[in-house]
Protein backbone atom coordinates (compact mmCIF):
# COMPACT_ATOMS: atom_id res chain seq x y z
CA UNK A 1 9.99 13.98 -4.77
CA UNK A 2 9.49 10.94 -2.56
CA UNK A 3 7.46 8.13 -4.00
CA UNK A 4 4.99 6.27 -1.88
CA UNK A 5 6.48 2.99 -0.73
CA UNK A 6 4.22 -0.03 -0.50
CA UNK A 7 4.93 -2.06 2.64
CA UNK A 8 3.22 -5.31 3.51
CA UNK A 9 2.08 -4.51 7.05
CA UNK A 10 0.79 -7.97 7.97
CA UNK A 11 3.80 -8.74 10.18
CA UNK A 12 3.74 -5.28 11.73
CA UNK A 13 0.05 -5.65 12.52
CA UNK A 14 0.82 -8.93 14.30
CA UNK A 15 3.10 -7.10 16.75
CA UNK A 16 0.09 -5.60 18.52
CA UNK A 17 1.41 -2.04 18.55
CA UNK A 18 -0.80 0.94 19.25
CA UNK A 19 -1.44 3.44 16.47
CA UNK A 20 1.39 5.78 17.50
CA UNK A 21 3.96 2.97 17.79
CA UNK A 22 2.88 1.47 14.48
CA UNK A 23 3.19 4.80 12.67
CA UNK A 24 6.58 5.43 14.26
CA UNK A 25 7.84 2.01 13.14
CA UNK A 26 6.50 2.48 9.60
CA UNK A 27 8.20 5.87 9.38
CA UNK A 28 11.53 4.30 10.34
CA UNK A 29 11.06 1.50 7.81
CA UNK A 30 10.32 4.05 5.10
CA UNK A 31 13.45 6.05 6.02
CA UNK A 32 15.59 2.91 5.78
CA UNK A 33 14.11 1.99 2.40
CA UNK A 34 14.74 5.50 1.07
CA UNK A 35 18.35 5.37 2.30
CA UNK A 36 18.83 1.98 0.62
CA UNK A 37 17.44 3.35 -2.64
CA UNK A 38 19.94 6.21 -2.48
CA UNK A 39 22.86 3.85 -1.88
CA UNK A 40 21.78 1.59 -4.74
CA UNK A 41 21.34 4.58 -7.03
CA UNK A 42 24.76 6.02 -6.12
CA UNK A 43 26.39 2.61 -6.63
CA UNK A 44 24.71 2.26 -10.02
CA UNK A 45 25.81 5.72 -11.14
CA UNK A 46 29.36 5.13 -9.95
CA UNK A 47 29.56 1.75 -11.70
CA UNK A 48 28.56 3.44 -14.96
CA UNK A 49 31.12 6.22 -14.42
CA UNK A 50 34.13 3.95 -13.80
CA UNK A 51 34.38 2.43 -17.31
CA UNK A 52 34.22 5.91 -18.83
CA UNK A 53 36.94 7.11 -16.46
CA UNK A 54 39.22 4.13 -16.99
CA UNK A 55 38.51 3.70 -20.69
């Protein structure tokens, strides 16, 4: 169900994190991006529903 999200990791690499910290940070970034996609999708669906509801 989840699509792979491409993240430019150049800035993250510059932080000098170890492998575990880097993976943890990337997981959190991916979770945030997925949540934002859901909010955008819900907003889009709702904005299409309102004109139908209100005529």
